Amino acid sequence: MNNKISSYRPVTWFVLANRVESVIYADKKNKPFFFIERLENKEGKKMESELVSDREGRIGSSAGNTIRHGLEPKESKHEHLAKLFAKRIADYLERAATEKKYEQLVLVAGPRFLGLLRSALKPNTIGFITHEIKREFLQGSDAEIKKLIINAIPQSEGHLNL
């Protein structure tokens, strides 16, 4: 029985994401580091000016003079769309957790999007996170991405058996 315990390797999902796309890989004992899914946010590629349909509303100054100020939105359209995409990724991960498709999660994203993604995750899903890498690794072959991930996890945070 000790041999089974020592040879066990949990199913780990690697979620690489930015405001435009998310690529999910898995790693398990009998099938190391393989592609699972790509989620896209096509609106995330657009320029801010392409996302805003017209000028913001205007309002007069409360001081009674003729100066007018644009009503600025609380967040940019890009930020809003990035939050929606982070929520979409979080929902996907929540469904997969419910279906027991993974036992560990490694999140890989730039600091800003990683924050949005963590905010969108439910506590149950957060409990699966073993590592977070605050960098974008969406370019390159599967082997190159795997190597970048392995090298990005400090020894102090533990080792991944990939």
N, C-alpha and C. Protein backbone atom coordinates (compact mmCIF):
# COMPACT_ATOMS: atom_id res chain seq x y z
N MET A 1 0.82 -1.19 0.00
CA MET A 1 0.00 0.00 0.00
C MET A 1 0.86 1.26 0.00
N ASN A 2 2.04 1.25 0.63
CA ASN A 2 2.93 2.39 0.61
C ASN A 2 3.35 2.77 -0.79
N ASN A 3 3.50 1.79 -1.68
CA ASN A 3 3.88 2.08 -3.05
C ASN A 3 2.81 2.90 -3.76
N LYS A 4 1.54 2.58 -3.49
CA LYS A 4 0.45 3.34 -4.12
C LYS A 4 0.45 4.78 -3.65
N ILE A 5 0.65 5.00 -2.37
CA ILE A 5 0.64 6.35 -1.83
C ILE A 5 1.79 7.15 -2.41
N SER A 6 2.98 6.59 -2.45
CA SER A 6 4.14 7.34 -2.93
C SER A 6 4.09 7.58 -4.43
N SER A 7 3.40 6.75 -5.18
CA SER A 7 3.34 6.94 -6.63
C SER A 7 2.13 7.77 -7.07
N TYR A 8 1.27 8.10 -6.12
CA TYR A 8 0.07 8.87 -6.44
C TYR A 8 0.46 10.29 -6.85
N ARG A 9 -0.17 10.78 -7.90
CA ARG A 9 0.04 12.16 -8.34
C ARG A 9 -1.32 12.77 -8.61
N PRO A 10 -1.67 13.83 -7.89
CA PRO A 10 -3.00 14.43 -8.08
C PRO A 10 -3.14 15.07 -9.46
N VAL A 11 -4.38 15.17 -9.92
CA VAL A 11 -4.65 15.85 -11.18
C VAL A 11 -4.53 17.36 -10.91
N THR A 12 -3.65 17.99 -11.65
CA THR A 12 -3.41 19.41 -11.49
C THR A 12 -3.82 20.12 -12.76
N TRP A 13 -4.57 21.19 -12.60
CA TRP A 13 -4.93 22.05 -13.74
C TRP A 13 -4.11 23.32 -13.66
N PHE A 14 -3.64 23.75 -14.81
CA PHE A 14 -2.89 24.99 -14.95
C PHE A 14 -3.76 25.96 -15.75
N VAL A 15 -4.11 27.07 -15.15
CA VAL A 15 -4.98 28.06 -15.79
C VAL A 15 -4.13 29.27 -16.13
N LEU A 16 -3.86 29.46 -17.42
CA LEU A 16 -3.09 30.59 -17.91
C LEU A 16 -4.07 31.58 -18.49
N ALA A 17 -4.03 32.83 -18.04
CA ALA A 17 -5.08 33.74 -18.45
C ALA A 17 -4.61 35.19 -18.54
N ASN A 18 -5.32 35.93 -19.39
CA ASN A 18 -5.24 37.39 -19.44
C ASN A 18 -6.63 37.88 -19.85
N ARG A 19 -6.79 39.15 -20.14
CA ARG A 19 -8.13 39.68 -20.43
C ARG A 19 -8.67 39.21 -21.78
N VAL A 20 -7.83 38.59 -22.61
CA VAL A 20 -8.22 38.17 -23.95
C VAL A 20 -8.50 36.67 -24.04
N GLU A 21 -7.72 35.87 -23.32
CA GLU A 21 -7.91 34.42 -23.43
C GLU A 21 -7.45 33.70 -22.17
N SER A 22 -7.91 32.49 -22.03
CA SER A 22 -7.47 31.60 -20.98
C SER A 22 -7.23 30.22 -21.61
N VAL A 23 -6.08 29.65 -21.28
CA VAL A 23 -5.76 28.32 -21.76
C VAL A 23 -5.58 27.44 -20.53
N ILE A 24 -6.21 26.29 -20.56
CA ILE A 24 -6.16 25.38 -19.42
C ILE A 24 -5.47 24.09 -19.85
N TYR A 25 -4.48 23.73 -19.05
CA TYR A 25 -3.76 22.47 -19.24
C TYR A 25 -4.00 21.61 -18.02
N ALA A 26 -3.80 20.31 -18.17
CA ALA A 26 -3.89 19.39 -17.04
C ALA A 26 -2.64 18.53 -17.02
N ASP A 27 -2.39 17.99 -15.85
CA ASP A 27 -1.28 17.06 -15.69
C ASP A 27 -1.76 15.96 -14.75
N LYS A 28 -1.62 14.74 -15.20
CA LYS A 28 -1.92 13.61 -14.32
C LYS A 28 -0.93 12.51 -14.60
N LYS A 29 -0.89 11.56 -13.73
CA LYS A 29 0.17 10.55 -13.77
C LYS A 29 0.29 9.85 -15.12
N ASN A 30 -0.81 9.42 -15.68
CA ASN A 30 -0.74 8.65 -16.93
C ASN A 30 -0.77 9.53 -18.18
N LYS A 31 -0.88 10.86 -18.01
CA LYS A 31 -0.92 11.76 -19.16
C LYS A 31 -0.37 13.12 -18.74
N PRO A 32 0.94 13.30 -18.88
CA PRO A 32 1.54 14.54 -18.40
C PRO A 32 1.27 15.76 -19.29
N PHE A 33 1.01 16.88 -18.68
CA PHE A 33 0.82 18.21 -19.24
C PHE A 33 0.17 18.21 -20.63
N PHE A 34 -1.15 18.26 -20.65
CA PHE A 34 -1.88 18.24 -21.91
C PHE A 34 -2.95 19.34 -21.91
N PHE A 35 -3.32 19.76 -23.09
CA PHE A 35 -4.29 20.83 -23.32
C PHE A 35 -5.69 20.36 -22.96
N ILE A 36 -6.44 21.22 -22.25
CA ILE A 36 -7.84 20.92 -21.89
C ILE A 36 -8.80 21.82 -22.66
N GLU A 37 -8.61 23.14 -22.54
CA GLU A 37 -9.62 24.07 -23.05
C GLU A 37 -9.01 25.45 -23.29
N ARG A 38 -9.58 26.15 -24.26
CA ARG A 38 -9.25 27.56 -24.50
C ARG A 38 -10.55 28.35 -24.43
N LEU A 39 -10.56 29.36 -23.56
CA LEU A 39 -11.69 30.26 -23.46
C LEU A 39 -11.24 31.60 -24.03
N GLU A 40 -12.09 32.21 -24.85
CA GLU A 40 -11.71 33.47 -25.49
C GLU A 40 -12.65 34.60 -25.10
N ASN A 41 -12.08 35.79 -25.05
CA ASN A 41 -12.82 37.01 -24.81
C ASN A 41 -12.48 37.95 -25.96
N LYS A 42 -13.16 37.79 -27.07
CA LYS A 42 -12.84 38.55 -28.28
C LYS A 42 -12.95 40.05 -28.08
N GLU A 43 -13.86 40.49 -27.21
CA GLU A 43 -13.99 41.92 -26.93
C GLU A 43 -12.74 42.48 -26.25
N GLY A 44 -12.01 41.61 -25.55
CA GLY A 44 -10.80 42.04 -24.85
C GLY A 44 -9.69 42.50 -25.77
N LYS A 45 -9.77 42.11 -27.04
CA LYS A 45 -8.75 42.51 -28.02
C LYS A 45 -8.97 43.92 -28.56
N LYS A 46 -10.19 44.42 -28.41
CA LYS A 46 -10.53 45.70 -29.01
C LYS A 46 -9.94 46.87 -28.23
N MET A 47 -9.75 47.97 -28.96
CA MET A 47 -9.31 49.21 -28.33
C MET A 47 -10.48 49.78 -27.52
N GLU A 48 -10.17 50.53 -26.48
CA GLU A 48 -11.22 51.13 -25.64
C GLU A 48 -12.18 51.95 -26.49
N SER A 49 -11.65 52.70 -27.47
CA SER A 49 -12.51 53.54 -28.32
C SER A 49 -13.49 52.72 -29.15
N GLU A 50 -13.14 51.48 -29.45
CA GLU A 50 -14.05 50.61 -30.21
C GLU A 50 -15.17 50.05 -29.32
N LEU A 51 -14.94 50.05 -28.01
CA LEU A 51 -15.90 49.46 -27.08
C LEU A 51 -16.95 50.46 -26.61
N VAL A 52 -16.62 51.74 -26.65
CA VAL A 52 -17.52 52.78 -26.18
C VAL A 52 -18.31 53.30 -27.36
N SER A 53 -19.64 53.20 -27.28
CA SER A 53 -20.49 53.52 -28.43
C SER A 53 -20.61 55.01 -28.71
N ASP A 54 -20.61 55.84 -27.69
CA ASP A 54 -20.70 57.28 -27.91
C ASP A 54 -20.10 58.02 -26.72
N ARG A 55 -20.13 59.33 -26.77
CA ARG A 55 -19.55 60.12 -25.70
C ARG A 55 -20.34 59.98 -24.42
N GLU A 56 -19.65 60.15 -23.31
CA GLU A 56 -20.30 60.08 -22.00
C GLU A 56 -21.25 61.27 -21.85
N GLY A 57 -22.22 61.13 -20.96
CA GLY A 57 -23.15 62.23 -20.67
C GLY A 57 -22.42 63.41 -20.06
N ARG A 58 -23.03 64.56 -20.06
CA ARG A 58 -22.41 65.75 -19.50
C ARG A 58 -23.35 66.37 -18.48
N ILE A 59 -22.76 67.04 -17.53
CA ILE A 59 -23.56 67.70 -16.49
C ILE A 59 -22.91 69.03 -16.16
N GLY A 60 -23.71 70.01 -15.83
CA GLY A 60 -23.19 71.32 -15.47
C GLY A 60 -22.57 71.30 -14.09
N SER A 61 -21.67 72.24 -13.81
CA SER A 61 -21.03 72.36 -12.52
C SER A 61 -22.04 72.82 -11.48
N SER A 62 -21.92 72.34 -10.25
CA SER A 62 -22.82 72.76 -9.19
C SER A 62 -22.53 74.18 -8.72
N ALA A 63 -21.39 74.74 -9.15
CA ALA A 63 -21.04 76.10 -8.75
C ALA A 63 -21.85 77.14 -9.49
N GLY A 64 -22.65 76.74 -10.46
CA GLY A 64 -23.51 77.66 -11.18
C GLY A 64 -22.85 78.30 -12.39
N ASN A 65 -21.57 78.04 -12.60
CA ASN A 65 -20.95 78.62 -13.80
C ASN A 65 -21.20 77.72 -15.00
N THR A 66 -20.67 78.07 -16.14
CA THR A 66 -20.97 77.35 -17.37
C THR A 66 -19.99 76.21 -17.66
N ILE A 67 -19.09 75.89 -16.75
CA ILE A 67 -18.15 74.78 -16.96
C ILE A 67 -18.94 73.48 -16.92
N ARG A 68 -18.66 72.60 -17.86
CA ARG A 68 -19.37 71.32 -17.93
C ARG A 68 -18.36 70.20 -17.78
N HIS A 69 -18.76 69.16 -17.11
CA HIS A 69 -17.88 68.02 -16.85
C HIS A 69 -18.49 66.77 -17.46
N GLY A 70 -17.64 65.95 -18.04
CA GLY A 70 -18.13 64.66 -18.52
C GLY A 70 -18.36 63.74 -17.34
N LEU A 71 -19.41 62.97 -17.41
CA LEU A 71 -19.64 61.96 -16.38
C LEU A 71 -18.76 60.77 -16.72
N GLU A 72 -17.76 60.53 -15.91
CA GLU A 72 -16.83 59.45 -16.21
C GLU A 72 -17.34 58.16 -15.58
N PRO A 73 -17.21 57.07 -16.31
CA PRO A 73 -17.65 55.79 -15.74
C PRO A 73 -16.73 55.40 -14.57
N LYS A 74 -17.25 54.56 -13.68
CA LYS A 74 -16.46 54.11 -12.54
C LYS A 74 -15.29 53.24 -12.97
N GLU A 75 -15.44 52.54 -14.07
CA GLU A 75 -14.36 51.70 -14.60
C GLU A 75 -14.41 51.74 -16.11
N SER A 76 -13.27 51.48 -16.72
CA SER A 76 -13.23 51.48 -18.18
C SER A 76 -14.01 50.27 -18.71
N LYS A 77 -14.36 50.34 -19.97
CA LYS A 77 -15.06 49.21 -20.61
C LYS A 77 -14.15 47.97 -20.61
N HIS A 78 -12.83 48.19 -20.85
CA HIS A 78 -11.89 47.06 -20.80
C HIS A 78 -11.91 46.39 -19.43
N GLU A 79 -11.88 47.21 -18.38
CA GLU A 79 -11.89 46.67 -17.02
C GLU A 79 -13.18 45.88 -16.78
N HIS A 80 -14.30 46.42 -17.19
CA HIS A 80 -15.59 45.75 -17.03
C HIS A 80 -15.59 44.40 -17.76
N LEU A 81 -15.11 44.40 -19.00
CA LEU A 81 -15.08 43.16 -19.78
C LEU A 81 -14.10 42.15 -19.19
N ALA A 82 -12.99 42.64 -18.66
CA ALA A 82 -12.01 41.75 -18.02
C ALA A 82 -12.64 41.08 -16.79
N LYS A 83 -13.41 41.84 -16.01
CA LYS A 83 -14.09 41.26 -14.84
C LYS A 83 -15.10 40.20 -15.27
N LEU A 84 -15.84 40.47 -16.33
CA LEU A 84 -16.80 39.49 -16.82
C LEU A 84 -16.10 38.22 -17.30
N PHE A 85 -14.96 38.39 -17.97
CA PHE A 85 -14.22 37.23 -18.45
C PHE A 85 -13.64 36.44 -17.27
N ALA A 86 -13.12 37.14 -16.27
CA ALA A 86 -12.62 36.46 -15.07
C ALA A 86 -13.74 35.65 -14.42
N LYS A 87 -14.93 36.21 -14.39
CA LYS A 87 -16.09 35.50 -13.83
C LYS A 87 -16.42 34.26 -14.66
N ARG A 88 -16.31 34.38 -15.98
CA ARG A 88 -16.57 33.23 -16.87
C ARG A 88 -15.56 32.10 -16.59
N ILE A 89 -14.29 32.47 -16.43
CA ILE A 89 -13.26 31.47 -16.11
C ILE A 89 -13.55 30.85 -14.75
N ALA A 90 -13.89 31.68 -13.77
CA ALA A 90 -14.19 31.19 -12.42
C ALA A 90 -15.37 30.21 -12.44
N ASP A 91 -16.40 30.52 -13.20
CA ASP A 91 -17.55 29.63 -13.31
C ASP A 91 -17.15 28.29 -13.93
N TYR A 92 -16.30 28.33 -14.95
CA TYR A 92 -15.81 27.11 -15.59
C TYR A 92 -15.05 26.25 -14.57
N LEU A 93 -14.17 26.90 -13.79
CA LEU A 93 -13.38 26.17 -12.79
C LEU A 93 -14.27 25.62 -11.68
N GLU A 94 -15.30 26.35 -11.31
CA GLU A 94 -16.23 25.89 -10.28
C GLU A 94 -16.97 24.63 -10.75
N ARG A 95 -17.44 24.65 -11.99
CA ARG A 95 -18.12 23.46 -12.54
C ARG A 95 -17.16 22.26 -12.57
N ALA A 96 -15.93 22.50 -13.00
CA ALA A 96 -14.95 21.42 -13.07
C ALA A 96 -14.62 20.87 -11.69
N ALA A 97 -14.57 21.75 -10.70
CA ALA A 97 -14.31 21.29 -9.32
C ALA A 97 -15.46 20.43 -8.82
N THR A 98 -16.68 20.86 -9.11
CA THR A 98 -17.87 20.10 -8.71
C THR A 98 -17.86 18.72 -9.35
N GLU A 99 -17.37 18.65 -10.58
CA GLU A 99 -17.29 17.38 -11.31
C GLU A 99 -16.02 16.61 -10.98
N LYS A 100 -15.21 17.13 -10.04
CA LYS A 100 -13.98 16.47 -9.58
C LYS A 100 -12.99 16.22 -10.73
N LYS A 101 -12.86 17.19 -11.61
CA LYS A 101 -11.95 17.05 -12.74
C LYS A 101 -10.51 17.38 -12.37
N TYR A 102 -10.30 18.07 -11.26
CA TYR A 102 -8.95 18.37 -10.81
C TYR A 102 -8.91 18.34 -9.29
N GLU A 103 -7.67 18.23 -8.77
CA GLU A 103 -7.47 18.24 -7.33
C GLU A 103 -6.60 19.41 -6.89
N GLN A 104 -5.87 19.98 -7.85
CA GLN A 104 -5.02 21.13 -7.57
C GLN A 104 -5.13 22.11 -8.72
N LEU A 105 -4.99 23.40 -8.38
CA LEU A 105 -5.01 24.46 -9.39
C LEU A 105 -3.74 25.28 -9.29
N VAL A 106 -3.19 25.62 -10.45
CA VAL A 106 -2.09 26.56 -10.53
C VAL A 106 -2.59 27.69 -11.42
N LEU A 107 -2.65 28.90 -10.87
CA LEU A 107 -3.10 30.07 -11.64
C LEU A 107 -1.88 30.83 -12.16
N VAL A 108 -1.93 31.15 -13.45
CA VAL A 108 -0.83 31.86 -14.09
C VAL A 108 -1.42 33.04 -14.85
N ALA A 109 -1.14 34.25 -14.37
CA ALA A 109 -1.68 35.45 -15.01
C ALA A 109 -0.89 36.66 -14.52
N GLY A 110 -0.94 37.73 -15.31
CA GLY A 110 -0.35 38.98 -14.86
C GLY A 110 -1.02 39.42 -13.57
N PRO A 111 -0.33 40.23 -12.76
CA PRO A 111 -0.87 40.61 -11.45
C PRO A 111 -2.28 41.21 -11.49
N ARG A 112 -2.55 42.07 -12.44
CA ARG A 112 -3.87 42.72 -12.51
C ARG A 112 -4.99 41.70 -12.79
N PHE A 113 -4.79 40.86 -13.81
CA PHE A 113 -5.83 39.88 -14.13
C PHE A 113 -5.91 38.79 -13.07
N LEU A 114 -4.80 38.43 -12.47
CA LEU A 114 -4.82 37.44 -11.39
C LEU A 114 -5.70 37.94 -10.25
N GLY A 115 -5.60 39.22 -9.94
CA GLY A 115 -6.46 39.80 -8.91
C GLY A 115 -7.94 39.72 -9.27
N LEU A 116 -8.26 40.02 -10.53
CA LEU A 116 -9.65 39.92 -10.98
C LEU A 116 -10.14 38.48 -10.90
N LEU A 117 -9.29 37.55 -11.31
CA LEU A 117 -9.67 36.14 -11.29
C LEU A 117 -9.88 35.65 -9.86
N ARG A 118 -8.98 35.99 -8.97
CA ARG A 118 -9.14 35.57 -7.57
C ARG A 118 -10.41 36.16 -6.97
N SER A 119 -10.73 37.39 -7.33
CA SER A 119 -11.96 38.02 -6.81
C SER A 119 -13.21 37.31 -7.31
N ALA A 120 -13.13 36.71 -8.49
CA ALA A 120 -14.29 36.04 -9.08
C ALA A 120 -14.45 34.59 -8.60
N LEU A 121 -13.40 34.01 -8.04
CA LEU A 121 -13.45 32.62 -7.60
C LEU A 121 -14.23 32.46 -6.31
N LYS A 122 -14.95 31.37 -6.21
CA LYS A 122 -15.68 31.04 -4.99
C LYS A 122 -14.71 30.37 -4.01
N PRO A 123 -15.00 30.46 -2.70
CA PRO A 123 -14.10 29.88 -1.70
C PRO A 123 -13.76 28.41 -1.96
N ASN A 124 -14.73 27.64 -2.42
CA ASN A 124 -14.47 26.23 -2.71
C ASN A 124 -13.36 26.08 -3.74
N THR A 125 -13.39 26.87 -4.79
CA THR A 125 -12.39 26.78 -5.84
C THR A 125 -11.04 27.30 -5.35
N ILE A 126 -11.05 28.36 -4.58
CA ILE A 126 -9.81 28.92 -4.04
C ILE A 126 -9.06 27.87 -3.23
N GLY A 127 -9.78 26.99 -2.56
CA GLY A 127 -9.17 25.94 -1.76
C GLY A 127 -8.32 24.97 -2.56
N PHE A 128 -8.51 24.90 -3.86
CA PHE A 128 -7.73 24.01 -4.71
C PHE A 128 -6.41 24.63 -5.19
N ILE A 129 -6.25 25.93 -5.01
CA ILE A 129 -5.07 26.62 -5.53
C ILE A 129 -3.84 26.24 -4.72
N THR A 130 -2.83 25.73 -5.41
CA THR A 130 -1.56 25.38 -4.76
C THR A 130 -0.46 26.39 -5.09
N HIS A 131 -0.55 27.01 -6.24
CA HIS A 131 0.47 27.99 -6.65
C HIS A 131 -0.19 29.08 -7.48
N GLU A 132 0.38 30.28 -7.39
CA GLU A 132 -0.01 31.40 -8.24
C GLU A 132 1.26 31.98 -8.83
N ILE A 133 1.24 32.18 -10.13
CA ILE A 133 2.39 32.77 -10.82
C ILE A 133 1.91 34.07 -11.43
N LYS A 134 2.50 35.17 -11.00
CA LYS A 134 2.06 36.50 -11.44
C LYS A 134 2.81 36.92 -12.70
N ARG A 135 2.63 36.14 -13.75
CA ARG A 135 3.22 36.42 -15.06
C ARG A 135 2.33 35.82 -16.14
N GLU A 136 2.48 36.33 -17.34
CA GLU A 136 1.72 35.77 -18.47
C GLU A 136 2.60 34.81 -19.25
N PHE A 137 2.10 33.61 -19.45
CA PHE A 137 2.81 32.59 -20.22
C PHE A 137 1.91 32.02 -21.31
N LEU A 138 1.27 32.84 -22.08
CA LEU A 138 0.33 32.34 -23.09
C LEU A 138 0.98 32.12 -24.45
N GLN A 139 2.21 32.53 -24.61
CA GLN A 139 2.88 32.36 -25.89
C GLN A 139 3.88 31.21 -25.80
N GLY A 140 3.95 30.41 -26.85
CA GLY A 140 4.91 29.32 -26.90
C GLY A 140 4.23 27.98 -27.03
N SER A 141 5.05 26.98 -27.26
CA SER A 141 4.55 25.62 -27.39
C SER A 141 4.18 25.09 -26.01
N ASP A 142 3.45 23.99 -25.98
CA ASP A 142 3.08 23.37 -24.70
C ASP A 142 4.32 23.06 -23.87
N ALA A 143 5.36 22.53 -24.51
CA ALA A 143 6.60 22.19 -23.79
C ALA A 143 7.28 23.43 -23.23
N GLU A 144 7.28 24.52 -24.00
CA GLU A 144 7.88 25.77 -23.52
C GLU A 144 7.10 26.34 -22.34
N ILE A 145 5.78 26.30 -22.44
CA ILE A 145 4.94 26.81 -21.36
C ILE A 145 5.15 25.98 -20.10
N LYS A 146 5.20 24.67 -20.25
CA LYS A 146 5.43 23.78 -19.11
C LYS A 146 6.75 24.13 -18.42
N LYS A 147 7.79 24.34 -19.20
CA LYS A 147 9.11 24.68 -18.64
C LYS A 147 9.07 26.03 -17.92
N LEU A 148 8.40 27.01 -18.51
CA LEU A 148 8.28 28.32 -17.88
C LEU A 148 7.57 28.23 -16.54
N ILE A 149 6.51 27.43 -16.48
CA ILE A 149 5.76 27.27 -15.24
C ILE A 149 6.62 26.61 -14.18
N ILE A 150 7.29 25.54 -14.53
CA ILE A 150 8.15 24.83 -13.57
C ILE A 150 9.22 25.76 -13.02
N ASN A 151 9.84 26.54 -13.90
CA ASN A 151 10.90 27.45 -13.47
C ASN A 151 10.39 28.65 -12.68
N ALA A 152 9.12 28.99 -12.82
CA ALA A 152 8.56 30.15 -12.14
C ALA A 152 8.13 29.88 -10.71
N ILE A 153 7.99 28.61 -10.34
CA ILE A 153 7.56 28.28 -8.98
C ILE A 153 8.80 28.18 -8.09
N PRO A 154 8.93 29.09 -7.14
CA PRO A 154 10.09 29.06 -6.25
C PRO A 154 10.16 27.76 -5.46
N GLN A 155 11.35 27.33 -5.20
CA GLN A 155 11.54 26.09 -4.43
C GLN A 155 10.84 26.17 -3.08
N SER A 156 10.77 27.36 -2.50
CA SER A 156 10.16 27.52 -1.18
C SER A 156 8.65 27.23 -1.20
N GLU A 157 8.03 27.31 -2.39
CA GLU A 157 6.59 27.06 -2.49
C GLU A 157 6.27 25.60 -2.78
N GLY A 158 7.28 24.79 -2.91
CA GLY A 158 7.03 23.39 -3.19
C GLY A 158 7.29 23.06 -4.64
N HIS A 159 7.42 21.81 -4.92
CA HIS A 159 7.78 21.35 -6.25
C HIS A 159 6.58 20.69 -6.93
N LEU A 160 6.46 20.91 -8.21
CA LEU A 160 5.44 20.22 -9.00
C LEU A 160 6.09 19.04 -9.69
N ASN A 161 5.46 17.91 -9.62
CA ASN A 161 5.97 16.72 -10.29
C ASN A 161 5.43 16.64 -11.71
N LEU A 162 6.03 17.38 -12.61
CA LEU A 162 5.59 17.34 -14.02
C LEU A 162 6.58 16.57 -14.84
